[in-house]
Amino acid sequence: MSRKIVKKVLPGYFQDILDGKKKYEMRLNDFEVEVGDVFVLEEWTSTDRATRQPTGRVIEKEATYLFKFKLEDLWFTDEEIKEKGFQIISFD
């Protein structure tokens, strides 16, 4: 059984999802998610907890692929990660 997972999204990212440009999410692995679950993505004005407000725009997207990892499981050194960071690449 799929579940609905509500998450906040900043306006620029929200618009890119709405426009079909952004077809992924990178999130901290602090909640359960499985392929088939539905993300209820709510647009919020900022990351500042004191001032952020919902804009009222909401979009739902189904999780179609999931890859979980920890940094120590990767084949990169700590130095490479600190120097270069990560990229997430989506393919159509």
N, C-alpha and C. Protein backbone atom coordinates (compact mmCIF):
# COMPACT_ATOMS: atom_id res chain seq x y z
N MET A 1 0.84 -1.17 0.00
CA MET A 1 0.00 0.00 0.00
C MET A 1 0.89 1.24 0.00
N SER A 2 0.62 2.13 -0.92
CA SER A 2 1.43 3.36 -0.97
C SER A 2 0.95 4.34 0.09
N ARG A 3 1.85 5.20 0.47
CA ARG A 3 1.50 6.22 1.46
C ARG A 3 1.75 7.60 0.85
N LYS A 4 1.19 8.60 1.47
CA LYS A 4 1.44 9.99 1.07
C LYS A 4 2.43 10.59 2.04
N ILE A 5 3.43 11.26 1.48
CA ILE A 5 4.50 11.86 2.26
C ILE A 5 4.52 13.35 1.93
N VAL A 6 4.28 14.18 2.93
CA VAL A 6 4.22 15.63 2.73
C VAL A 6 5.60 16.22 3.00
N LYS A 7 6.09 17.04 2.05
CA LYS A 7 7.39 17.70 2.18
C LYS A 7 7.29 19.14 1.69
N LYS A 8 8.08 19.99 2.30
CA LYS A 8 8.15 21.39 1.90
C LYS A 8 9.18 21.56 0.78
N VAL A 9 8.91 22.48 -0.15
CA VAL A 9 9.80 22.75 -1.27
C VAL A 9 9.87 24.26 -1.47
N LEU A 10 11.07 24.77 -1.72
CA LEU A 10 11.25 26.21 -1.99
C LEU A 10 10.71 26.57 -3.38
N PRO A 11 10.32 27.83 -3.57
CA PRO A 11 9.66 28.25 -4.81
C PRO A 11 10.39 27.91 -6.11
N GLY A 12 11.68 28.16 -6.19
CA GLY A 12 12.42 27.87 -7.43
C GLY A 12 12.38 26.40 -7.79
N TYR A 13 12.60 25.56 -6.79
CA TYR A 13 12.54 24.11 -7.02
C TYR A 13 11.13 23.67 -7.36
N PHE A 14 10.14 24.23 -6.65
CA PHE A 14 8.75 23.88 -6.89
C PHE A 14 8.37 24.18 -8.33
N GLN A 15 8.74 25.36 -8.81
CA GLN A 15 8.40 25.75 -10.18
C GLN A 15 9.07 24.83 -11.19
N ASP A 16 10.32 24.45 -10.94
CA ASP A 16 11.01 23.52 -11.85
C ASP A 16 10.33 22.16 -11.88
N ILE A 17 9.82 21.69 -10.74
CA ILE A 17 9.07 20.44 -10.70
C ILE A 17 7.77 20.60 -11.49
N LEU A 18 7.08 21.70 -11.26
CA LEU A 18 5.82 21.98 -11.95
C LEU A 18 6.03 22.04 -13.46
N ASP A 19 7.14 22.64 -13.89
CA ASP A 19 7.44 22.78 -15.32
C ASP A 19 7.99 21.50 -15.93
N GLY A 20 8.24 20.48 -15.12
CA GLY A 20 8.76 19.22 -15.63
C GLY A 20 10.26 19.18 -15.81
N LYS A 21 10.98 20.21 -15.36
CA LYS A 21 12.44 20.25 -15.49
C LYS A 21 13.13 19.42 -14.42
N LYS A 22 12.61 19.47 -13.20
CA LYS A 22 13.22 18.77 -12.06
C LYS A 22 12.40 17.51 -11.79
N LYS A 23 13.04 16.36 -12.00
CA LYS A 23 12.34 15.08 -11.87
C LYS A 23 13.02 14.20 -10.83
N TYR A 24 13.45 14.80 -9.75
CA TYR A 24 14.13 14.07 -8.68
C TYR A 24 14.00 14.86 -7.39
N GLU A 25 14.26 14.21 -6.29
CA GLU A 25 14.39 14.86 -4.98
C GLU A 25 15.59 14.24 -4.30
N MET A 26 16.39 15.03 -3.66
CA MET A 26 17.45 14.53 -2.80
C MET A 26 17.08 14.98 -1.39
N ARG A 27 16.85 14.02 -0.53
CA ARG A 27 16.39 14.31 0.83
C ARG A 27 17.21 13.52 1.83
N LEU A 28 17.29 14.05 3.03
CA LEU A 28 17.89 13.32 4.13
C LEU A 28 17.06 12.06 4.37
N ASN A 29 17.74 10.96 4.62
CA ASN A 29 17.06 9.67 4.81
C ASN A 29 16.53 9.57 6.24
N ASP A 30 15.63 10.49 6.60
CA ASP A 30 15.08 10.52 7.95
C ASP A 30 13.59 10.18 7.98
N PHE A 31 13.11 9.55 6.90
CA PHE A 31 11.72 9.11 6.85
C PHE A 31 11.65 7.89 5.93
N GLU A 32 10.59 7.11 6.10
CA GLU A 32 10.39 5.92 5.27
C GLU A 32 9.78 6.32 3.93
N VAL A 33 10.28 5.73 2.86
CA VAL A 33 9.72 5.94 1.53
C VAL A 33 9.99 4.69 0.71
N GLU A 34 9.03 4.34 -0.14
CA GLU A 34 9.16 3.20 -1.04
C GLU A 34 8.66 3.62 -2.41
N VAL A 35 9.13 2.92 -3.45
CA VAL A 35 8.62 3.15 -4.79
C VAL A 35 7.11 2.97 -4.75
N GLY A 36 6.39 3.89 -5.36
CA GLY A 36 4.93 3.87 -5.35
C GLY A 36 4.32 4.85 -4.37
N ASP A 37 5.11 5.28 -3.37
CA ASP A 37 4.61 6.30 -2.45
C ASP A 37 4.42 7.62 -3.21
N VAL A 38 3.53 8.44 -2.71
CA VAL A 38 3.24 9.72 -3.36
C VAL A 38 3.75 10.86 -2.49
N PHE A 39 4.58 11.71 -3.08
CA PHE A 39 5.04 12.91 -2.40
C PHE A 39 4.04 14.02 -2.63
N VAL A 40 3.58 14.62 -1.55
CA VAL A 40 2.74 15.80 -1.60
C VAL A 40 3.69 16.96 -1.34
N LEU A 41 4.08 17.65 -2.40
CA LEU A 41 5.09 18.71 -2.30
C LEU A 41 4.39 20.05 -2.15
N GLU A 42 4.66 20.70 -1.03
CA GLU A 42 4.05 21.99 -0.72
C GLU A 42 5.09 23.08 -0.90
N GLU A 43 4.75 24.12 -1.62
CA GLU A 43 5.66 25.25 -1.81
C GLU A 43 5.65 26.13 -0.57
N TRP A 44 6.84 26.42 -0.05
CA TRP A 44 7.01 27.29 1.12
C TRP A 44 7.97 28.41 0.74
N THR A 45 7.80 29.57 1.36
CA THR A 45 8.52 30.78 0.95
C THR A 45 10.00 30.79 1.29
N SER A 46 10.43 30.11 2.35
CA SER A 46 11.85 30.16 2.71
C SER A 46 12.19 29.00 3.64
N THR A 47 13.48 28.87 3.97
CA THR A 47 13.92 27.85 4.91
C THR A 47 13.95 28.38 6.34
N ASP A 48 13.78 29.68 6.51
CA ASP A 48 13.81 30.30 7.83
C ASP A 48 12.54 29.93 8.59
N ARG A 49 12.68 29.12 9.64
CA ARG A 49 11.51 28.64 10.38
C ARG A 49 10.66 29.77 10.96
N ALA A 50 11.28 30.90 11.24
CA ALA A 50 10.54 32.02 11.86
C ALA A 50 9.68 32.77 10.84
N THR A 51 10.07 32.76 9.57
CA THR A 51 9.35 33.58 8.60
C THR A 51 8.71 32.79 7.46
N ARG A 52 9.03 31.52 7.33
CA ARG A 52 8.51 30.76 6.19
C ARG A 52 7.00 30.59 6.28
N GLN A 53 6.39 30.61 5.11
CA GLN A 53 4.94 30.48 5.01
C GLN A 53 4.60 29.61 3.80
N PRO A 54 3.53 28.84 3.87
CA PRO A 54 3.10 28.10 2.68
C PRO A 54 2.50 29.06 1.66
N THR A 55 2.74 28.80 0.39
CA THR A 55 2.18 29.66 -0.66
C THR A 55 0.80 29.18 -1.09
N GLY A 56 0.46 27.95 -0.73
CA GLY A 56 -0.82 27.38 -1.14
C GLY A 56 -0.70 26.49 -2.37
N ARG A 57 0.46 26.52 -3.03
CA ARG A 57 0.64 25.66 -4.20
C ARG A 57 1.12 24.28 -3.74
N VAL A 58 0.50 23.25 -4.30
CA VAL A 58 0.80 21.87 -3.93
C VAL A 58 0.81 21.03 -5.21
N ILE A 59 1.74 20.08 -5.27
CA ILE A 59 1.78 19.15 -6.40
C ILE A 59 2.07 17.76 -5.84
N GLU A 60 1.52 16.75 -6.46
CA GLU A 60 1.78 15.37 -6.04
C GLU A 60 2.61 14.67 -7.10
N LYS A 61 3.62 13.91 -6.65
CA LYS A 61 4.50 13.15 -7.54
C LYS A 61 4.73 11.78 -6.95
N GLU A 62 4.64 10.75 -7.78
CA GLU A 62 4.87 9.39 -7.33
C GLU A 62 6.36 9.06 -7.36
N ALA A 63 6.84 8.39 -6.33
CA ALA A 63 8.22 7.91 -6.29
C ALA A 63 8.34 6.71 -7.24
N THR A 64 9.17 6.84 -8.28
CA THR A 64 9.32 5.78 -9.27
C THR A 64 10.67 5.08 -9.18
N TYR A 65 11.62 5.68 -8.47
CA TYR A 65 12.94 5.08 -8.30
C TYR A 65 13.49 5.58 -6.98
N LEU A 66 14.24 4.73 -6.29
CA LEU A 66 14.78 5.09 -4.99
C LEU A 66 16.18 4.52 -4.85
N PHE A 67 17.12 5.36 -4.46
CA PHE A 67 18.49 4.94 -4.21
C PHE A 67 18.92 5.55 -2.90
N LYS A 68 19.13 4.72 -1.89
CA LYS A 68 19.56 5.20 -0.58
C LYS A 68 21.03 4.87 -0.40
N PHE A 69 21.77 5.79 0.22
CA PHE A 69 23.18 5.54 0.47
C PHE A 69 23.66 6.39 1.62
N LYS A 70 24.79 5.99 2.18
CA LYS A 70 25.51 6.77 3.18
C LYS A 70 26.84 7.14 2.57
N LEU A 71 27.38 8.28 2.97
CA LEU A 71 28.63 8.74 2.36
C LEU A 71 29.75 7.72 2.49
N GLU A 72 29.81 7.02 3.62
CA GLU A 72 30.88 6.05 3.80
C GLU A 72 30.72 4.83 2.89
N ASP A 73 29.54 4.64 2.30
CA ASP A 73 29.32 3.53 1.37
C ASP A 73 29.80 3.86 -0.05
N LEU A 74 30.08 5.12 -0.30
CA LEU A 74 30.49 5.53 -1.64
C LEU A 74 31.97 5.24 -1.88
N TRP A 75 32.36 5.27 -3.10
CA TRP A 75 33.74 4.96 -3.48
C TRP A 75 34.62 6.20 -3.55
N PHE A 76 34.11 7.35 -3.14
CA PHE A 76 34.89 8.58 -3.14
C PHE A 76 35.55 8.77 -1.78
N THR A 77 36.68 9.45 -1.79
CA THR A 77 37.34 9.77 -0.53
C THR A 77 36.66 10.98 0.10
N ASP A 78 36.85 11.16 1.41
CA ASP A 78 36.31 12.33 2.10
C ASP A 78 36.84 13.62 1.47
N GLU A 79 38.09 13.60 1.08
CA GLU A 79 38.70 14.79 0.47
C GLU A 79 38.02 15.14 -0.85
N GLU A 80 37.74 14.12 -1.68
CA GLU A 80 37.07 14.37 -2.95
C GLU A 80 35.66 14.92 -2.73
N ILE A 81 34.96 14.37 -1.77
CA ILE A 81 33.59 14.83 -1.48
C ILE A 81 33.61 16.28 -0.99
N LYS A 82 34.54 16.60 -0.08
CA LYS A 82 34.62 17.97 0.44
C LYS A 82 35.02 18.95 -0.64
N GLU A 83 35.93 18.56 -1.52
CA GLU A 83 36.42 19.46 -2.57
C GLU A 83 35.39 19.65 -3.69
N LYS A 84 34.75 18.56 -4.12
CA LYS A 84 33.95 18.63 -5.33
C LYS A 84 32.45 18.56 -5.09
N GLY A 85 32.01 18.03 -3.96
CA GLY A 85 30.57 17.90 -3.71
C GLY A 85 29.95 16.86 -4.61
N PHE A 86 28.63 16.94 -4.79
CA PHE A 86 27.89 15.96 -5.57
C PHE A 86 27.08 16.65 -6.64
N GLN A 87 26.73 15.89 -7.65
CA GLN A 87 25.76 16.29 -8.67
C GLN A 87 24.69 15.21 -8.70
N ILE A 88 23.48 15.59 -8.95
CA ILE A 88 22.42 14.62 -9.21
C ILE A 88 22.02 14.83 -10.65
N ILE A 89 22.01 13.75 -11.40
CA ILE A 89 21.70 13.84 -12.83
C ILE A 89 20.48 12.99 -13.10
N SER A 90 19.52 13.56 -13.78
CA SER A 90 18.29 12.85 -14.12
C SER A 90 18.27 12.59 -15.61
N PHE A 91 17.82 11.43 -15.98
CA PHE A 91 17.68 11.07 -17.40
C PHE A 91 16.22 10.87 -17.74
N ASP A 92 15.83 11.27 -18.94
CA ASP A 92 14.47 10.99 -19.44
C ASP A 92 14.50 9.81 -20.35
